[in-house]
Amino acid sequence: MPLFFFYMKVYKKSSAIVIEGKESTLYLDSKKAIKPEDGFAAISHAHSDHLAGHKSETVMTSPTFELSGMSLKPKTVKYGKTYKLDGISITAYDAKHILGSAQFLIEEDGESILYSGDFRAASSVFYEACEPPEADILIVESTYGHPRYVFPSVAEVVEEIESWVKENKEKTIIFSAYALGKAQELIRVLNNISLSPLVSRDIAAYSELYVKHGLNLDYVSPLSEDWDEVIKKPFIAVMSRRFVKPEIKKIIKEQTKSPVLLALSTGWAIDYSFRSQGVDKSFIFSGHSDFNQLIDYVERSQASKVFTVHGYTDEFARQIKRRLGIDAKPLKNVQKQ
């Protein structure tokens, strides 16, 4: 059975988080296309694991729409402004995860449910820490919801990256990164030490939209006139992870006549060195919140009931109950499609 909160219900249906009001139903981050007869859809951000080509009326921020590459025009929303979906009200708040990412506050008849989406509750290269609005019920991501995931500060990681790059300035350095979000942060870090990295085509496309929205970045795209000249000698690059394979180091070494180093930045560097994948250096650098930041976010939301989704859902729910004394449990698939 779905879980009841007065009038609103919340449950999972396959990949979607569903909030059902008296008059309308809202599907959050469904990877299956939602039809008009099913209800409304909302997309928290433009990473592919949160996207689908919905046929129903869909809520997202304008940057998320631009980054998604979708053809159907959605209902684009601004942070802090409330919109009506029949009887349900929805308000987007900046999640600070990537450009355009949103937390969604859903309200009906005095009840409120906050969906965190993917968020960062600490300052980053581009943003200050996200602030959760207060809500009765919280649905929170738990990617790093285990106590062992405690990250160094962004300032510490940035200093580590800058020092490592300077130490290896005579070598070719390739940072392997997610094309949307992490790549742009790495470009900015390198810009801060007067370097303009080469980037892969997909990273260039996303970076153009970051620049459009006021986040200035300096990089060399594959379409640049400088590209062919730059790759003849040692260079620094930020490349999409799908393009970076261990064998690329040998190819580039032959091309530049210089040693090649491959670097990776991820929160999972706490657990893995990634040396089996040809990685020479890994940095603990994530677009998500670490465990302590997740706990702090839950506490600041003032929620009296919490549902965990994505990642360490069982462990994080246990930790919320133990540390904060708040009723918490994983949000399970309780209704099959």
Protein backbone atom coordinates (compact mmCIF):
# COMPACT_ATOMS: atom_id res chain seq x y z
CA MET A 1 0.00 0.00 0.00
CA PRO A 2 1.17 3.57 -0.59
CA LEU A 3 2.14 5.54 2.49
CA PHE A 4 -0.48 8.09 3.54
CA PHE A 5 0.20 11.58 4.85
CA PHE A 6 -3.27 12.97 5.46
CA TYR A 7 -4.38 13.56 1.84
CA MET A 8 -1.09 13.23 -0.06
CA LYS A 9 0.48 9.83 -0.73
CA VAL A 10 4.10 9.16 -1.62
CA TYR A 11 5.52 5.96 -3.07
CA LYS A 12 7.92 4.62 -5.69
CA LYS A 13 6.72 3.25 -9.00
CA SER A 14 9.60 1.64 -10.83
CA SER A 15 12.18 4.46 -11.17
CA ALA A 16 9.78 7.28 -10.31
CA ILE A 17 9.00 8.87 -6.98
CA VAL A 18 5.26 9.50 -7.03
CA ILE A 19 3.33 12.08 -5.04
CA GLU A 20 -0.40 11.69 -5.29
CA GLY A 21 -2.68 14.52 -4.24
CA LYS A 22 -6.45 14.77 -4.14
CA GLU A 23 -6.72 16.02 -7.73
CA SER A 24 -3.38 15.32 -9.41
CA THR A 25 -0.36 13.02 -9.41
CA LEU A 26 3.26 14.11 -9.77
CA TYR A 27 6.10 11.84 -10.98
CA LEU A 28 9.57 12.92 -9.88
CA ASP A 29 12.66 11.96 -11.92
CA SER A 30 10.96 9.08 -13.71
CA LYS A 31 13.15 7.32 -16.28
CA LYS A 32 10.00 6.07 -17.96
CA ALA A 33 8.02 8.56 -20.06
CA ILE A 34 4.91 9.85 -18.28
CA LYS A 35 1.72 10.24 -20.32
CA PRO A 36 -0.80 13.06 -19.82
CA GLU A 37 -3.37 10.63 -18.40
CA ASP A 38 -0.84 9.52 -15.75
CA GLY A 39 -0.33 12.99 -14.30
CA PHE A 40 2.47 15.55 -14.24
CA ALA A 41 6.25 15.06 -14.28
CA ALA A 42 9.11 16.98 -12.69
CA ILE A 43 12.82 16.66 -13.48
CA SER A 44 15.29 17.77 -10.82
CA HIS A 45 18.35 18.12 -13.07
CA ALA A 46 19.80 17.17 -16.45
CA HIS A 47 21.90 14.10 -15.67
CA SER A 48 20.76 11.22 -17.87
CA ASP A 49 19.70 8.95 -14.99
CA HIS A 50 17.00 11.50 -14.09
CA LEU A 51 15.67 12.19 -17.59
CA ALA A 52 12.90 10.86 -19.81
CA GLY A 53 10.97 12.24 -22.77
CA HIS A 54 7.69 12.81 -20.96
CA LYS A 55 4.49 13.44 -22.91
CA SER A 56 2.76 14.96 -19.90
CA GLU A 57 3.21 18.52 -18.65
CA THR A 58 6.73 18.56 -17.20
CA VAL A 59 8.30 20.89 -14.66
CA MET A 60 12.01 21.76 -14.68
CA THR A 61 14.22 24.82 -14.58
CA SER A 62 15.16 26.56 -17.82
CA PRO A 63 18.86 25.52 -17.60
CA THR A 64 17.80 21.90 -17.06
CA PHE A 65 15.71 22.06 -20.22
CA GLU A 66 18.60 23.52 -22.23
CA LEU A 67 21.10 20.98 -20.90
CA SER A 68 18.74 18.04 -21.43
CA GLY A 69 18.46 18.52 -25.19
CA MET A 70 14.75 17.71 -25.05
CA SER A 71 12.57 18.82 -27.94
CA LEU A 72 9.24 19.12 -26.10
CA LYS A 73 8.90 22.46 -24.32
CA PRO A 74 8.26 21.94 -20.58
CA LYS A 75 6.86 24.24 -17.92
CA THR A 76 10.10 25.99 -16.95
CA VAL A 77 10.20 27.26 -13.37
CA LYS A 78 12.28 29.80 -11.49
CA TYR A 79 13.79 29.21 -8.08
CA GLY A 80 11.56 30.36 -5.26
CA LYS A 81 8.43 30.85 -7.37
CA THR A 82 5.40 28.62 -6.73
CA TYR A 83 3.47 26.99 -9.57
CA LYS A 84 0.13 25.19 -9.53
CA LEU A 85 -0.41 21.71 -10.99
CA ASP A 86 -4.14 21.38 -10.45
CA GLY A 87 -4.46 21.07 -6.66
CA ILE A 88 -0.74 20.60 -5.99
CA SER A 89 1.69 23.50 -5.62
CA ILE A 90 5.35 23.03 -6.56
CA THR A 91 8.29 25.32 -5.79
CA ALA A 92 11.87 24.80 -7.00
CA TYR A 93 14.89 25.64 -4.84
CA ASP A 94 18.50 25.58 -6.00
CA ALA A 95 20.10 22.21 -5.19
CA LYS A 96 23.65 23.38 -6.10
CA HIS A 97 24.41 19.98 -7.69
CA ILE A 98 24.88 21.19 -11.27
CA LEU A 99 23.61 24.15 -13.29
CA GLY A 100 19.81 24.26 -13.04
CA SER A 101 19.47 21.50 -10.43
CA ALA A 102 16.46 21.77 -8.15
CA GLN A 103 14.95 20.61 -4.90
CA PHE A 104 11.15 20.50 -5.17
CA LEU A 105 8.76 21.50 -2.39
CA ILE A 106 5.32 20.03 -3.05
CA GLU A 107 2.35 21.35 -1.08
CA GLU A 108 -1.37 20.69 -0.81
CA ASP A 109 -3.86 21.77 1.86
CA GLY A 110 -1.19 22.79 4.34
CA GLU A 111 0.90 19.62 3.93
CA SER A 112 4.41 19.76 2.49
CA ILE A 113 6.81 17.21 1.01
CA LEU A 114 10.38 18.14 0.04
CA TYR A 115 12.18 16.11 -2.62
CA SER A 116 15.91 16.83 -2.42
CA GLY A 117 16.94 15.57 -5.85
CA ASP A 118 20.74 15.34 -6.06
CA PHE A 119 22.16 18.21 -4.02
CA ARG A 120 25.32 19.61 -2.49
CA ALA A 121 25.06 20.90 1.06
CA ALA A 122 28.57 22.37 1.08
CA SER A 123 30.14 25.18 -0.91
CA SER A 124 31.64 24.18 -4.27
CA VAL A 125 33.70 25.70 -7.06
CA PHE A 126 30.66 27.59 -8.36
CA TYR A 127 28.10 27.69 -5.56
CA GLU A 128 27.45 28.21 -1.88
CA ALA A 129 25.84 25.31 0.02
CA CYS A 130 22.21 24.58 -0.81
CA GLU A 131 19.54 25.43 1.75
CA PRO A 132 16.54 23.13 2.22
CA PRO A 133 13.14 24.71 2.77
CA GLU A 134 11.31 23.36 5.80
CA ALA A 135 8.82 20.55 5.14
CA ASP A 136 6.69 17.98 6.95
CA ILE A 137 8.09 15.07 4.93
CA LEU A 138 11.53 14.77 3.32
CA ILE A 139 12.50 12.47 0.44
CA VAL A 140 16.30 12.60 0.41
CA GLU A 141 19.00 11.11 -1.79
CA SER A 142 21.56 8.96 0.02
CA THR A 143 24.32 8.36 -2.55
CA TYR A 144 26.95 8.75 0.16
CA GLY A 145 24.66 7.87 3.06
CA HIS A 146 27.22 5.73 4.90
CA PRO A 147 29.35 7.21 7.72
CA ARG A 148 32.60 6.29 5.97
CA TYR A 149 31.96 8.89 3.25
CA VAL A 150 33.31 12.11 4.73
CA PHE A 151 34.97 14.36 2.15
CA PRO A 152 37.73 16.93 2.50
CA SER A 153 36.62 20.51 1.88
CA VAL A 154 36.46 21.73 -1.70
CA ALA A 155 39.22 24.24 -0.90
CA GLU A 156 41.50 21.39 0.21
CA VAL A 157 40.80 19.34 -2.91
CA VAL A 158 41.26 22.32 -5.22
CA GLU A 159 44.63 23.04 -3.59
CA GLU A 160 45.61 19.38 -4.03
CA ILE A 161 44.64 19.45 -7.72
CA GLU A 162 46.50 22.69 -8.36
CA SER A 163 49.67 21.43 -6.64
CA TRP A 164 49.61 18.13 -8.53
CA VAL A 165 49.12 19.87 -11.88
CA LYS A 166 52.01 22.27 -11.20
CA GLU A 167 54.29 19.38 -10.16
CA ASN A 168 53.58 17.64 -13.48
CA LYS A 169 53.54 20.66 -15.79
CA GLU A 170 55.99 19.05 -18.25
CA LYS A 171 53.65 16.09 -18.79
CA THR A 172 50.35 15.65 -20.59
CA ILE A 173 47.53 15.50 -18.04
CA ILE A 174 44.05 14.21 -18.79
CA PHE A 175 41.26 14.62 -16.27
CA SER A 176 38.49 12.09 -16.85
CA ALA A 177 35.17 13.56 -15.70
CA TYR A 178 31.42 13.41 -16.06
CA ALA A 179 30.67 15.67 -19.00
CA LEU A 180 28.03 17.67 -17.15
CA GLY A 181 28.88 19.23 -13.81
CA LYS A 182 32.23 17.81 -12.74
CA ALA A 183 33.92 18.75 -16.01
CA GLN A 184 32.92 22.40 -15.71
CA GLU A 185 34.20 22.57 -12.13
CA LEU A 186 37.55 21.13 -13.21
CA ILE A 187 37.78 23.65 -16.05
CA ARG A 188 37.24 26.47 -13.53
CA VAL A 189 39.89 25.02 -11.18
CA LEU A 190 42.39 24.94 -14.04
CA ASN A 191 41.39 28.43 -15.19
CA ASN A 192 42.24 29.69 -11.70
CA ILE A 193 45.88 28.68 -12.29
CA SER A 194 45.88 30.23 -15.78
CA LEU A 195 45.32 27.02 -17.74
CA SER A 196 42.79 26.53 -20.54
CA PRO A 197 42.25 22.79 -20.96
CA LEU A 198 41.30 20.94 -24.09
CA VAL A 199 37.83 19.45 -23.73
CA SER A 200 35.83 16.79 -25.55
CA ARG A 201 32.94 17.83 -27.77
CA ASP A 202 30.19 16.95 -25.25
CA ILE A 203 31.92 18.88 -22.47
CA ALA A 204 32.26 21.89 -24.78
CA ALA A 205 28.52 21.81 -25.55
CA TYR A 206 27.56 21.77 -21.86
CA SER A 207 30.19 24.39 -21.02
CA GLU A 208 28.70 26.79 -23.56
CA LEU A 209 25.47 26.73 -21.56
CA TYR A 210 27.34 27.34 -18.30
CA VAL A 211 28.89 30.42 -19.91
CA LYS A 212 25.49 31.52 -21.21
CA HIS A 213 24.19 31.43 -17.63
CA GLY A 214 27.04 33.56 -16.28
CA LEU A 215 29.58 30.95 -15.19
CA ASN A 216 32.61 31.93 -17.24
CA LEU A 217 34.90 29.15 -18.45
CA ASP A 218 37.96 29.20 -20.70
CA TYR A 219 38.69 26.02 -22.67
CA VAL A 220 39.77 24.74 -26.10
CA SER A 221 37.05 22.81 -27.93
CA PRO A 222 37.59 20.31 -30.78
CA LEU A 223 36.19 22.95 -33.15
CA SER A 224 38.81 25.51 -32.13
CA GLU A 225 41.48 26.59 -34.62
CA ASP A 226 44.05 26.01 -31.86
CA TRP A 227 43.21 22.34 -31.31
CA ASP A 228 45.58 20.74 -33.85
CA GLU A 229 48.49 22.88 -32.73
CA VAL A 230 47.96 22.34 -29.00
CA ILE A 231 47.95 18.52 -29.19
CA LYS A 232 51.41 18.41 -30.78
CA LYS A 233 53.07 19.08 -27.42
CA PRO A 234 52.26 18.29 -23.76
CA PHE A 235 48.81 19.59 -22.88
CA ILE A 236 46.16 19.46 -20.19
CA ALA A 237 42.65 18.23 -20.95
CA VAL A 238 39.29 17.50 -19.37
CA MET A 239 37.63 14.66 -21.23
CA SER A 240 34.34 12.82 -20.87
CA ARG A 241 34.76 9.54 -19.00
CA ARG A 242 33.31 7.55 -21.89
CA PHE A 243 36.15 8.71 -24.14
CA VAL A 244 39.00 8.00 -21.75
CA LYS A 245 40.33 4.44 -21.94
CA PRO A 246 43.65 3.08 -20.61
CA GLU A 247 44.99 2.70 -24.16
CA ILE A 248 44.57 6.42 -24.84
CA LYS A 249 47.65 7.11 -22.73
CA LYS A 250 49.85 5.17 -25.15
CA ILE A 251 48.36 6.92 -28.19
CA ILE A 252 48.84 10.41 -26.74
CA LYS A 253 52.35 9.61 -25.48
CA GLU A 254 53.39 8.71 -29.03
CA GLN A 255 51.75 11.90 -30.32
CA THR A 256 53.18 14.38 -27.80
CA LYS A 257 56.47 12.60 -27.03
CA SER A 258 55.77 13.20 -23.34
CA PRO A 259 54.61 11.12 -20.36
CA VAL A 260 50.83 11.02 -19.96
CA LEU A 261 48.99 11.08 -16.64
CA LEU A 262 45.33 10.21 -16.20
CA ALA A 263 43.42 11.73 -13.26
CA LEU A 264 39.93 11.09 -11.92
CA SER A 265 37.84 13.11 -9.48
CA THR A 266 35.00 11.35 -7.64
CA GLY A 267 33.65 10.75 -4.16
CA TRP A 268 34.29 7.05 -4.72
CA ALA A 269 38.02 7.77 -4.52
CA ILE A 270 37.57 7.16 -0.78
CA ASP A 271 37.17 3.46 -1.65
CA TYR A 272 39.12 2.97 -4.88
CA SER A 273 42.36 4.14 -6.51
CA PHE A 274 41.12 3.19 -10.02
CA ARG A 275 44.67 2.17 -10.96
CA SER A 276 43.34 -0.93 -12.71
CA GLN A 277 41.65 1.50 -15.12
CA GLY A 278 44.93 3.26 -15.86
CA VAL A 279 44.32 6.12 -13.44
CA ASP A 280 47.50 7.68 -12.03
CA LYS A 281 45.86 10.04 -9.53
CA SER A 282 42.39 10.19 -8.01
CA PHE A 283 40.88 13.11 -6.10
CA ILE A 284 38.00 12.95 -3.61
CA PHE A 285 35.88 15.52 -5.41
CA SER A 286 32.12 15.01 -5.70
CA GLY A 287 29.03 16.87 -6.84
CA HIS A 288 27.06 15.16 -4.06
CA SER A 289 26.88 15.74 -0.33
CA ASP A 290 28.96 13.57 1.98
CA PHE A 291 27.50 11.75 4.98
CA ASN A 292 27.81 14.61 7.47
CA GLN A 293 26.32 17.06 5.00
CA LEU A 294 23.40 14.72 4.36
CA ILE A 295 22.69 14.47 8.08
CA ASP A 296 22.89 18.26 8.43
CA TYR A 297 20.52 18.73 5.48
CA VAL A 298 17.95 16.38 7.03
CA GLU A 299 18.13 18.22 10.34
CA ARG A 300 17.75 21.65 8.70
CA SER A 301 14.69 20.53 6.75
CA GLN A 302 12.80 20.20 10.06
CA ALA A 303 10.99 17.15 8.61
CA SER A 304 9.21 14.84 11.03
CA LYS A 305 9.39 11.88 8.63
CA VAL A 306 12.12 11.01 6.13
CA PHE A 307 12.29 8.63 3.17
CA THR A 308 15.70 7.76 1.71
CA VAL A 309 16.22 7.11 -2.01
CA HIS A 310 19.21 6.27 -4.25
CA GLY A 311 22.33 4.75 -2.73
CA TYR A 312 22.77 3.69 0.90
CA THR A 313 19.06 3.93 1.64
CA ASP A 314 18.86 1.38 4.48
CA GLU A 315 22.03 2.52 6.21
CA PHE A 316 21.19 6.21 5.94
CA ALA A 317 17.67 5.68 7.29
CA ARG A 318 19.18 3.86 10.30
CA GLN A 319 21.66 6.67 10.86
CA ILE A 320 18.94 9.34 10.71
CA LYS A 321 16.91 7.51 13.35
CA ARG A 322 19.94 6.91 15.57
CA ARG A 323 21.51 10.37 15.32
CA LEU A 324 18.48 12.64 14.93
CA GLY A 325 15.64 10.58 16.39
CA ILE A 326 13.55 11.16 13.27
CA ASP A 327 11.30 8.47 11.81
CA ALA A 328 13.14 7.37 8.66
CA LYS A 329 12.94 4.47 6.22
CA PRO A 330 13.86 3.69 2.61
CA LEU A 331 11.17 4.52 0.07
CA LYS A 332 10.46 1.17 -1.55
CA ASN A 333 8.71 0.19 -4.76
CA VAL A 334 5.26 -0.49 -3.36
CA GLN A 335 3.24 -0.34 -6.57
CA LYS A 336 4.20 -2.16 -9.76
CA GLN A 337 3.78 -0.74 -13.24
